[in-house]
Amino acid sequence: MLHKIPLRNILFLDIETVPQAASYEDLSEEARELWELKSRYRRKEEYTAAEFYENAGIWAEFGKIICISAGYFTGSGKQREFRIRSFSGEEEGLLRDFGCLLEEHFSSSGKMLCAHNGKEFDFPYLARRMLIHGIPLPPSLNLFGKKPWEIPHLDTMELWKFGDFKHYTSLRLMAHVLGIPSPKDDID
């Protein structure tokens, strides 16, 4: 089935996130309380909410996006070219710019977004941060009322599972076993 999707119809993306505040102490009293409640199920008992705050970037409510890198193919055959575009800077601006890319090139039928663990992380994180900033969701991120087969998302981690729900493979490991150079040597 995947071989029927033209490469020019896929936007490959990855986001990088960090905690919103530089430290736990920089949070308001209410935000600290909410962080403690939100992180309770993930942190081990020996970690306080303050000690665990360095992980806040994984939750859209306590993190922010600092970079979105996207790549897509143009042309076809021997004229095919892979273009990469990165969005960085102040979060609201980079989200608006990324939203424009989605609207201009990836909003029509048959266009898809692709990321590693995108369905569990990248796509919902992008949508949540856009809503937090009052940015209208592009059609490719607005999933309300859609059936699973209508959602225009590919997830390389999900594809690699082949239906095995307990299996996790990092993008770096998958690239290694497939003999594909990974640009993510310095980050996890």
N, C-alpha and C. Protein backbone atom coordinates (compact mmCIF):
# COMPACT_ATOMS: atom_id res chain seq x y z
N MET A 1 0.81 -1.20 0.00
CA MET A 1 0.00 0.00 0.00
C MET A 1 0.85 1.26 0.00
N LEU A 2 1.94 1.26 0.80
CA LEU A 2 2.78 2.45 0.90
C LEU A 2 3.44 2.81 -0.43
N HIS A 3 3.73 1.79 -1.24
CA HIS A 3 4.38 2.07 -2.52
C HIS A 3 3.47 2.85 -3.46
N LYS A 4 2.18 2.94 -3.16
CA LYS A 4 1.24 3.68 -3.98
C LYS A 4 1.17 5.17 -3.62
N ILE A 5 1.83 5.55 -2.53
CA ILE A 5 1.82 6.96 -2.11
C ILE A 5 3.01 7.66 -2.76
N PRO A 6 2.76 8.62 -3.63
CA PRO A 6 3.88 9.35 -4.24
C PRO A 6 4.69 10.09 -3.17
N LEU A 7 6.01 10.00 -3.25
CA LEU A 7 6.87 10.67 -2.27
C LEU A 7 6.61 12.16 -2.20
N ARG A 8 6.24 12.78 -3.30
CA ARG A 8 6.00 14.23 -3.30
C ARG A 8 4.77 14.62 -2.48
N ASN A 9 3.97 13.62 -2.07
CA ASN A 9 2.78 13.87 -1.26
C ASN A 9 3.04 13.75 0.24
N ILE A 10 4.30 13.52 0.63
CA ILE A 10 4.61 13.30 2.04
C ILE A 10 5.51 14.41 2.56
N LEU A 11 5.13 14.98 3.69
CA LEU A 11 5.97 15.94 4.40
C LEU A 11 6.56 15.21 5.60
N PHE A 12 7.86 15.02 5.60
CA PHE A 12 8.57 14.37 6.70
C PHE A 12 8.93 15.45 7.71
N LEU A 13 8.69 15.19 9.00
CA LEU A 13 8.97 16.24 9.97
C LEU A 13 9.45 15.68 11.30
N ASP A 14 10.08 16.56 12.06
CA ASP A 14 10.54 16.24 13.40
C ASP A 14 10.52 17.54 14.20
N ILE A 15 10.10 17.45 15.46
CA ILE A 15 10.10 18.63 16.31
C ILE A 15 11.07 18.43 17.46
N GLU A 16 11.62 19.54 17.94
CA GLU A 16 12.48 19.53 19.12
C GLU A 16 11.81 20.40 20.16
N THR A 17 11.74 19.89 21.39
CA THR A 17 11.02 20.58 22.45
C THR A 17 11.89 20.75 23.69
N VAL A 18 11.53 21.72 24.50
CA VAL A 18 12.20 21.99 25.77
C VAL A 18 11.13 22.42 26.78
N PRO A 19 11.46 22.42 28.09
CA PRO A 19 10.52 22.96 29.07
C PRO A 19 10.26 24.46 28.81
N GLN A 20 9.05 24.92 29.11
CA GLN A 20 8.71 26.34 28.90
C GLN A 20 9.54 27.26 29.77
N ALA A 21 9.69 26.91 31.02
CA ALA A 21 10.47 27.74 31.94
C ALA A 21 11.86 27.13 32.09
N ALA A 22 12.84 27.95 32.39
CA ALA A 22 14.22 27.48 32.53
C ALA A 22 14.36 26.51 33.70
N SER A 23 13.58 26.72 34.75
CA SER A 23 13.67 25.83 35.91
C SER A 23 12.31 25.74 36.60
N TYR A 24 12.18 24.76 37.44
CA TYR A 24 10.96 24.55 38.22
C TYR A 24 10.66 25.78 39.07
N GLU A 25 11.69 26.40 39.62
CA GLU A 25 11.51 27.57 40.47
C GLU A 25 10.92 28.76 39.71
N ASP A 26 11.07 28.79 38.39
CA ASP A 26 10.53 29.88 37.58
C ASP A 26 9.03 29.74 37.32
N LEU A 27 8.45 28.61 37.68
CA LEU A 27 7.02 28.41 37.49
C LEU A 27 6.23 29.12 38.58
N SER A 28 5.01 29.53 38.23
CA SER A 28 4.12 30.10 39.24
C SER A 28 3.73 28.99 40.22
N GLU A 29 3.19 29.37 41.36
CA GLU A 29 2.77 28.39 42.35
C GLU A 29 1.73 27.44 41.77
N GLU A 30 0.77 27.98 41.01
CA GLU A 30 -0.26 27.14 40.40
C GLU A 30 0.35 26.18 39.37
N ALA A 31 1.28 26.68 38.56
CA ALA A 31 1.93 25.83 37.56
C ALA A 31 2.74 24.72 38.23
N ARG A 32 3.39 25.03 39.35
CA ARG A 32 4.13 23.99 40.08
C ARG A 32 3.19 22.88 40.56
N GLU A 33 2.06 23.29 41.10
CA GLU A 33 1.08 22.30 41.58
C GLU A 33 0.57 21.45 40.41
N LEU A 34 0.27 22.09 39.30
CA LEU A 34 -0.22 21.36 38.13
C LEU A 34 0.86 20.44 37.55
N TRP A 35 2.13 20.90 37.58
CA TRP A 35 3.23 20.07 37.12
C TRP A 35 3.37 18.82 38.00
N GLU A 36 3.25 19.02 39.30
CA GLU A 36 3.36 17.89 40.21
C GLU A 36 2.28 16.86 39.91
N LEU A 37 1.07 17.32 39.69
CA LEU A 37 -0.04 16.41 39.38
C LEU A 37 0.16 15.72 38.02
N LYS A 38 0.55 16.48 37.02
CA LYS A 38 0.71 15.94 35.66
C LYS A 38 1.85 14.93 35.59
N SER A 39 2.94 15.20 36.28
CA SER A 39 4.13 14.35 36.16
C SER A 39 4.14 13.17 37.14
N ARG A 40 3.22 13.15 38.07
CA ARG A 40 3.21 12.14 39.13
C ARG A 40 3.27 10.72 38.59
N TYR A 41 2.51 10.43 37.56
CA TYR A 41 2.44 9.05 37.05
C TYR A 41 3.71 8.64 36.31
N ARG A 42 4.54 9.59 35.87
CA ARG A 42 5.74 9.24 35.11
C ARG A 42 7.01 9.19 35.96
N ARG A 43 7.07 9.99 37.00
CA ARG A 43 8.32 10.05 37.77
C ARG A 43 8.33 8.97 38.84
N LYS A 44 9.49 8.51 39.13
CA LYS A 44 9.66 7.52 40.18
C LYS A 44 9.51 8.21 41.54
N GLU A 45 9.20 7.45 42.55
CA GLU A 45 8.97 8.02 43.88
C GLU A 45 10.17 8.77 44.43
N GLU A 46 11.37 8.38 44.02
CA GLU A 46 12.57 9.04 44.55
C GLU A 46 12.83 10.41 43.91
N TYR A 47 12.05 10.77 42.89
CA TYR A 47 12.21 12.08 42.24
C TYR A 47 11.12 13.04 42.69
N THR A 48 11.51 14.23 43.05
CA THR A 48 10.53 15.27 43.35
C THR A 48 10.08 15.89 42.03
N ALA A 49 9.00 16.64 42.08
CA ALA A 49 8.53 17.33 40.88
C ALA A 49 9.60 18.30 40.37
N ALA A 50 10.30 18.95 41.27
CA ALA A 50 11.36 19.89 40.89
C ALA A 50 12.50 19.15 40.17
N GLU A 51 12.89 18.00 40.70
CA GLU A 51 13.98 17.23 40.08
C GLU A 51 13.58 16.68 38.72
N PHE A 52 12.31 16.41 38.54
CA PHE A 52 11.81 15.83 37.29
C PHE A 52 11.51 16.88 36.24
N TYR A 53 11.57 18.16 36.61
CA TYR A 53 11.16 19.23 35.69
C TYR A 53 11.96 19.28 34.40
N GLU A 54 13.18 18.78 34.40
CA GLU A 54 13.97 18.79 33.16
C GLU A 54 13.28 18.00 32.05
N ASN A 55 12.31 17.16 32.40
CA ASN A 55 11.55 16.36 31.43
C ASN A 55 10.28 17.07 30.96
N ALA A 56 10.04 18.27 31.41
CA ALA A 56 8.79 18.97 31.10
C ALA A 56 8.57 19.19 29.60
N GLY A 57 9.61 19.20 28.84
CA GLY A 57 9.48 19.42 27.40
C GLY A 57 8.69 18.36 26.67
N ILE A 58 8.47 17.20 27.27
CA ILE A 58 7.73 16.15 26.57
C ILE A 58 6.21 16.34 26.65
N TRP A 59 5.75 17.26 27.50
CA TRP A 59 4.32 17.56 27.60
C TRP A 59 4.05 18.95 27.03
N ALA A 60 3.11 19.02 26.11
CA ALA A 60 2.79 20.29 25.44
C ALA A 60 2.29 21.35 26.41
N GLU A 61 1.72 20.94 27.54
CA GLU A 61 1.22 21.90 28.52
C GLU A 61 2.34 22.58 29.29
N PHE A 62 3.51 21.95 29.35
CA PHE A 62 4.63 22.48 30.11
C PHE A 62 5.88 22.69 29.26
N GLY A 63 5.79 22.36 28.00
CA GLY A 63 6.94 22.49 27.12
C GLY A 63 6.66 23.48 26.00
N LYS A 64 7.63 23.61 25.11
CA LYS A 64 7.46 24.44 23.94
C LYS A 64 8.34 23.89 22.83
N ILE A 65 7.96 24.21 21.61
CA ILE A 65 8.71 23.77 20.45
C ILE A 65 9.76 24.82 20.13
N ILE A 66 11.00 24.39 19.96
CA ILE A 66 12.07 25.32 19.61
C ILE A 66 12.54 25.15 18.17
N CYS A 67 12.16 24.03 17.55
CA CYS A 67 12.57 23.80 16.17
C CYS A 67 11.64 22.77 15.52
N ILE A 68 11.26 23.04 14.29
CA ILE A 68 10.54 22.07 13.46
C ILE A 68 11.37 21.93 12.20
N SER A 69 11.77 20.73 11.89
CA SER A 69 12.47 20.48 10.63
C SER A 69 11.55 19.65 9.75
N ALA A 70 11.44 20.06 8.51
CA ALA A 70 10.54 19.39 7.57
C ALA A 70 11.27 19.16 6.26
N GLY A 71 10.96 18.05 5.64
CA GLY A 71 11.56 17.74 4.35
C GLY A 71 10.51 17.17 3.42
N TYR A 72 10.66 17.49 2.14
CA TYR A 72 9.70 16.98 1.15
C TYR A 72 10.38 16.89 -0.21
N PHE A 73 9.83 16.02 -1.04
CA PHE A 73 10.37 15.81 -2.38
C PHE A 73 9.64 16.70 -3.38
N THR A 74 10.39 17.21 -4.33
CA THR A 74 9.82 17.93 -5.46
C THR A 74 10.26 17.20 -6.73
N GLY A 75 9.56 17.42 -7.81
CA GLY A 75 9.92 16.78 -9.08
C GLY A 75 9.63 15.29 -9.06
N SER A 76 10.15 14.61 -10.07
CA SER A 76 9.96 13.16 -10.16
C SER A 76 11.11 12.55 -10.94
N GLY A 77 11.25 11.23 -10.83
CA GLY A 77 12.31 10.52 -11.53
C GLY A 77 13.68 11.05 -11.17
N LYS A 78 14.52 11.23 -12.20
CA LYS A 78 15.89 11.73 -11.97
C LYS A 78 15.90 13.20 -11.59
N GLN A 79 14.79 13.89 -11.79
CA GLN A 79 14.69 15.30 -11.44
C GLN A 79 14.19 15.51 -10.01
N ARG A 80 13.99 14.40 -9.30
CA ARG A 80 13.49 14.50 -7.93
C ARG A 80 14.55 15.13 -7.03
N GLU A 81 14.09 16.03 -6.16
CA GLU A 81 14.98 16.73 -5.24
C GLU A 81 14.33 16.73 -3.86
N PHE A 82 15.14 16.54 -2.82
CA PHE A 82 14.63 16.57 -1.45
C PHE A 82 14.97 17.92 -0.85
N ARG A 83 13.96 18.65 -0.43
CA ARG A 83 14.14 19.97 0.17
C ARG A 83 13.90 19.90 1.67
N ILE A 84 14.74 20.60 2.39
CA ILE A 84 14.62 20.63 3.85
C ILE A 84 14.42 22.08 4.27
N ARG A 85 13.51 22.24 5.19
CA ARG A 85 13.26 23.57 5.74
C ARG A 85 13.11 23.44 7.25
N SER A 86 13.80 24.30 7.98
CA SER A 86 13.71 24.29 9.45
C SER A 86 13.11 25.61 9.92
N PHE A 87 12.29 25.50 10.94
CA PHE A 87 11.65 26.65 11.55
C PHE A 87 12.17 26.74 12.98
N SER A 88 12.71 27.88 13.35
CA SER A 88 13.20 28.05 14.72
C SER A 88 12.93 29.48 15.16
N GLY A 89 13.18 29.73 16.43
CA GLY A 89 12.93 31.06 16.98
C GLY A 89 11.78 31.02 17.97
N GLU A 90 11.12 32.15 18.12
CA GLU A 90 9.99 32.27 19.04
C GLU A 90 8.89 31.31 18.60
N GLU A 91 8.33 30.57 19.56
CA GLU A 91 7.42 29.47 19.23
C GLU A 91 6.21 29.88 18.40
N GLU A 92 5.53 30.92 18.77
CA GLU A 92 4.33 31.29 18.03
C GLU A 92 4.65 31.56 16.57
N GLY A 93 5.74 32.26 16.33
CA GLY A 93 6.14 32.56 14.95
C GLY A 93 6.49 31.33 14.15
N LEU A 94 7.24 30.42 14.76
CA LEU A 94 7.62 29.21 14.02
C LEU A 94 6.41 28.33 13.74
N LEU A 95 5.44 28.31 14.68
CA LEU A 95 4.22 27.55 14.45
C LEU A 95 3.38 28.15 13.33
N ARG A 96 3.31 29.48 13.29
CA ARG A 96 2.56 30.15 12.21
C ARG A 96 3.23 29.87 10.86
N ASP A 97 4.56 29.97 10.81
CA ASP A 97 5.28 29.72 9.56
C ASP A 97 5.12 28.27 9.11
N PHE A 98 5.19 27.34 10.05
CA PHE A 98 5.00 25.94 9.72
C PHE A 98 3.57 25.70 9.23
N GLY A 99 2.60 26.33 9.89
CA GLY A 99 1.20 26.23 9.46
C GLY A 99 1.01 26.71 8.04
N CYS A 100 1.73 27.77 7.66
CA CYS A 100 1.66 28.28 6.28
C CYS A 100 2.20 27.25 5.29
N LEU A 101 3.31 26.58 5.66
CA LEU A 101 3.86 25.52 4.80
C LEU A 101 2.82 24.42 4.61
N LEU A 102 2.15 24.02 5.69
CA LEU A 102 1.13 22.98 5.59
C LEU A 102 -0.02 23.43 4.69
N GLU A 103 -0.48 24.65 4.88
CA GLU A 103 -1.59 25.17 4.08
C GLU A 103 -1.22 25.27 2.60
N GLU A 104 -0.01 25.74 2.31
CA GLU A 104 0.40 25.96 0.92
C GLU A 104 0.68 24.67 0.17
N HIS A 105 1.30 23.70 0.84
CA HIS A 105 1.79 22.53 0.11
C HIS A 105 1.19 21.19 0.55
N PHE A 106 0.59 21.12 1.75
CA PHE A 106 0.17 19.82 2.26
C PHE A 106 -1.24 19.83 2.83
N SER A 107 -2.14 20.59 2.22
CA SER A 107 -3.51 20.63 2.73
C SER A 107 -4.50 19.92 1.81
N SER A 108 -4.09 19.58 0.60
CA SER A 108 -5.03 18.95 -0.32
C SER A 108 -5.12 17.44 -0.07
N SER A 109 -6.14 16.84 -0.62
CA SER A 109 -6.36 15.42 -0.46
C SER A 109 -5.17 14.62 -0.99
N GLY A 110 -4.83 13.56 -0.29
CA GLY A 110 -3.72 12.72 -0.70
C GLY A 110 -2.38 13.12 -0.12
N LYS A 111 -2.30 14.28 0.51
CA LYS A 111 -1.06 14.73 1.15
C LYS A 111 -0.99 14.16 2.56
N MET A 112 0.22 13.83 3.01
CA MET A 112 0.37 13.19 4.30
C MET A 112 1.53 13.79 5.09
N LEU A 113 1.44 13.69 6.41
CA LEU A 113 2.54 14.05 7.30
C LEU A 113 3.18 12.75 7.78
N CYS A 114 4.50 12.75 7.93
CA CYS A 114 5.21 11.56 8.38
C CYS A 114 6.25 11.94 9.42
N ALA A 115 6.27 11.19 10.53
CA ALA A 115 7.26 11.40 11.59
C ALA A 115 7.47 10.08 12.31
N HIS A 116 8.58 9.97 13.00
CA HIS A 116 8.85 8.79 13.82
C HIS A 116 8.22 9.02 15.19
N ASN A 117 7.29 8.18 15.57
CA ASN A 117 6.47 8.34 16.76
C ASN A 117 5.60 9.60 16.67
N GLY A 118 5.29 9.99 15.45
CA GLY A 118 4.50 11.20 15.20
C GLY A 118 3.09 11.15 15.75
N LYS A 119 2.45 9.99 15.69
CA LYS A 119 1.07 9.90 16.17
C LYS A 119 0.99 10.03 17.68
N GLU A 120 2.04 9.64 18.38
CA GLU A 120 2.05 9.72 19.84
C GLU A 120 2.69 11.02 20.34
N PHE A 121 3.50 11.66 19.50
CA PHE A 121 4.22 12.84 20.01
C PHE A 121 4.10 14.05 19.09
N ASP A 122 4.76 14.03 17.96
CA ASP A 122 4.89 15.23 17.12
C ASP A 122 3.54 15.85 16.71
N PHE A 123 2.64 15.05 16.15
CA PHE A 123 1.38 15.61 15.64
C PHE A 123 0.49 16.18 16.74
N PRO A 124 0.25 15.43 17.85
CA PRO A 124 -0.56 16.03 18.91
C PRO A 124 0.12 17.22 19.58
N TYR A 125 1.44 17.16 19.72
CA TYR A 125 2.18 18.27 20.35
C TYR A 125 2.02 19.54 19.50
N LEU A 126 2.21 19.41 18.19
CA LEU A 126 2.04 20.57 17.30
C LEU A 126 0.63 21.14 17.41
N ALA A 127 -0.38 20.26 17.37
CA ALA A 127 -1.77 20.72 17.45
C ALA A 127 -2.04 21.43 18.78
N ARG A 128 -1.58 20.85 19.87
CA ARG A 128 -1.81 21.47 21.19
C ARG A 128 -1.14 22.82 21.30
N ARG A 129 0.11 22.92 20.86
CA ARG A 129 0.82 24.20 20.96
C ARG A 129 0.18 25.25 20.04
N MET A 130 -0.33 24.84 18.88
CA MET A 130 -1.03 25.79 18.01
C MET A 130 -2.28 26.31 18.70
N LEU A 131 -3.05 25.41 19.31
CA LEU A 131 -4.27 25.84 20.01
C LEU A 131 -3.94 26.77 21.17
N ILE A 132 -2.88 26.46 21.91
CA ILE A 132 -2.47 27.31 23.03
C ILE A 132 -2.17 28.72 22.56
N HIS A 133 -1.61 28.85 21.36
CA HIS A 133 -1.28 30.17 20.81
C HIS A 133 -2.42 30.78 19.99
N GLY A 134 -3.56 30.10 19.93
CA GLY A 134 -4.70 30.62 19.18
C GLY A 134 -4.52 30.55 17.68
N ILE A 135 -3.71 29.63 17.21
CA ILE A 135 -3.46 29.45 15.78
C ILE A 135 -4.44 28.40 15.25
N PRO A 136 -5.19 28.72 14.21
CA PRO A 136 -6.13 27.72 13.65
C PRO A 136 -5.38 26.47 13.19
N LEU A 137 -5.96 25.32 13.46
CA LEU A 137 -5.32 24.07 13.06
C LEU A 137 -5.44 23.86 11.56
N PRO A 138 -4.34 23.54 10.90
CA PRO A 138 -4.41 23.18 9.48
C PRO A 138 -5.19 21.87 9.35
N PRO A 139 -5.82 21.62 8.20
CA PRO A 139 -6.60 20.39 8.03
C PRO A 139 -5.83 19.11 8.37
N SER A 140 -4.53 19.08 8.11
CA SER A 140 -3.75 17.86 8.36
C SER A 140 -3.54 17.59 9.85
N LEU A 141 -3.81 18.57 10.71
CA LEU A 141 -3.69 18.36 12.16
C LEU A 141 -5.05 18.38 12.86
N ASN A 142 -6.08 18.77 12.16
CA ASN A 142 -7.42 18.83 12.74
C ASN A 142 -8.11 17.49 12.50
N LEU A 143 -8.07 16.62 13.49
CA LEU A 143 -8.53 15.25 13.33
C LEU A 143 -9.95 15.01 13.84
N PHE A 144 -10.58 16.03 14.39
CA PHE A 144 -11.91 15.85 14.97
C PHE A 144 -12.88 15.29 13.94
N GLY A 145 -13.57 14.22 14.33
CA GLY A 145 -14.60 13.63 13.48
C GLY A 145 -14.08 12.75 12.36
N LYS A 146 -12.78 12.56 12.28
CA LYS A 146 -12.23 11.74 11.19
C LYS A 146 -12.14 10.28 11.63
N LYS A 147 -12.36 9.42 10.66
CA LYS A 147 -12.18 7.99 10.88
C LYS A 147 -10.69 7.69 10.77
N PRO A 148 -10.22 6.62 11.41
CA PRO A 148 -8.78 6.32 11.39
C PRO A 148 -8.18 6.29 9.99
N TRP A 149 -8.88 5.80 9.02
CA TRP A 149 -8.34 5.72 7.66
C TRP A 149 -8.38 7.06 6.92
N GLU A 150 -9.00 8.07 7.53
CA GLU A 150 -9.05 9.40 6.93
C GLU A 150 -7.94 10.31 7.47
N ILE A 151 -7.20 9.84 8.47
CA ILE A 151 -6.17 10.67 9.09
C ILE A 151 -4.91 10.62 8.23
N PRO A 152 -4.44 11.77 7.76
CA PRO A 152 -3.32 11.81 6.81
C PRO A 152 -1.95 11.77 7.48
N HIS A 153 -1.73 10.77 8.34
CA HIS A 153 -0.47 10.67 9.07
C HIS A 153 0.18 9.32 8.85
N LEU A 154 1.48 9.35 8.61
CA LEU A 154 2.30 8.14 8.59
C LEU A 154 3.22 8.21 9.78
N ASP A 155 3.43 7.08 10.43
CA ASP A 155 4.32 7.03 11.59
C ASP A 155 5.30 5.90 11.36
N THR A 156 6.58 6.24 11.16
CA THR A 156 7.57 5.20 10.85
C THR A 156 7.74 4.21 11.99
N MET A 157 7.57 4.66 13.23
CA MET A 157 7.67 3.73 14.35
C MET A 157 6.51 2.74 14.33
N GLU A 158 5.32 3.22 14.03
CA GLU A 158 4.14 2.36 13.94
C GLU A 158 4.29 1.37 12.78
N LEU A 159 4.81 1.84 11.65
CA LEU A 159 5.02 0.95 10.51
C LEU A 159 6.02 -0.15 10.85
N TRP A 160 7.08 0.19 11.59
CA TRP A 160 8.12 -0.77 11.95
C TRP A 160 7.61 -1.81 12.96
N LYS A 161 6.58 -1.48 13.72
CA LYS A 161 6.03 -2.42 14.70
C LYS A 161 5.36 -3.62 14.02
N PHE A 162 4.83 -3.44 12.83
CA PHE A 162 4.12 -4.50 12.12
C PHE A 162 3.04 -5.13 13.01
N GLY A 163 2.32 -4.28 13.75
CA GLY A 163 1.22 -4.74 14.58
C GLY A 163 1.61 -5.16 15.99
N ASP A 164 2.90 -5.17 16.32
CA ASP A 164 3.38 -5.57 17.64
C ASP A 164 3.27 -4.36 18.58
N PHE A 165 2.27 -4.35 19.44
CA PHE A 165 1.98 -3.18 20.26
C PHE A 165 3.00 -2.91 21.37
N LYS A 166 3.79 -3.90 21.73
CA LYS A 166 4.75 -3.70 22.82
C LYS A 166 6.13 -3.31 22.31
N HIS A 167 6.30 -3.17 21.03
CA HIS A 167 7.61 -2.95 20.44
C HIS A 167 7.92 -1.45 20.30
N TYR A 168 9.09 -1.01 20.76
CA TYR A 168 9.55 0.36 20.56
C TYR A 168 10.93 0.32 19.93
N THR A 169 11.12 1.09 18.90
CA THR A 169 12.43 1.22 18.25
C THR A 169 12.68 2.69 18.00
N SER A 170 13.84 3.18 18.43
CA SER A 170 14.18 4.58 18.20
C SER A 170 14.46 4.78 16.71
N LEU A 171 14.35 6.02 16.27
CA LEU A 171 14.66 6.34 14.88
C LEU A 171 16.12 6.03 14.58
N ARG A 172 16.99 6.32 15.53
CA ARG A 172 18.42 6.06 15.34
C ARG A 172 18.69 4.56 15.13
N LEU A 173 18.06 3.71 15.95
CA LEU A 173 18.24 2.26 15.81
C LEU A 173 17.67 1.77 14.49
N MET A 174 16.49 2.25 14.12
CA MET A 174 15.88 1.83 12.87
C MET A 174 16.75 2.21 11.68
N ALA A 175 17.27 3.44 11.69
CA ALA A 175 18.16 3.88 10.61
C ALA A 175 19.41 3.00 10.57
N HIS A 176 19.95 2.65 11.73
CA HIS A 176 21.15 1.82 11.80
C HIS A 176 20.91 0.44 11.18
N VAL A 177 19.85 -0.25 11.59
CA VAL A 177 19.61 -1.60 11.08
C VAL A 177 19.27 -1.61 9.60
N LEU A 178 18.73 -0.50 9.10
CA LEU A 178 18.42 -0.40 7.67
C LEU A 178 19.57 0.16 6.85
N GLY A 179 20.68 0.52 7.52
CA GLY A 179 21.84 1.04 6.81
C GLY A 179 21.66 2.45 6.26
N ILE A 180 20.86 3.24 6.95
CA ILE A 180 20.59 4.62 6.54
C ILE A 180 21.32 5.57 7.48
N PRO A 181 22.15 6.46 6.97
CA PRO A 181 22.83 7.42 7.86
C PRO A 181 21.79 8.26 8.61
N SER A 182 22.02 8.46 9.91
CA SER A 182 21.10 9.23 10.72
C SER A 182 21.68 10.59 11.06
N PRO A 183 20.90 11.66 10.84
CA PRO A 183 21.35 12.98 11.23
C PRO A 183 21.17 13.23 12.71
N LYS A 184 20.58 12.27 13.44
CA LYS A 184 20.25 12.47 14.85
C LYS A 184 21.31 11.85 15.76
N ASP A 185 22.57 11.87 15.36
CA ASP A 185 23.63 11.28 16.18
C ASP A 185 23.84 12.02 17.49
N ASP A 186 23.56 13.31 17.51
CA ASP A 186 23.86 14.10 18.70
C ASP A 186 22.67 14.39 19.59
N ILE A 187 21.47 13.94 19.21
CA ILE A 187 20.29 14.18 20.03
C ILE A 187 19.46 12.90 20.12
N ASP A 188 18.62 12.82 21.15
CA ASP A 188 17.78 11.64 21.33
C ASP A 188 16.33 12.03 21.12
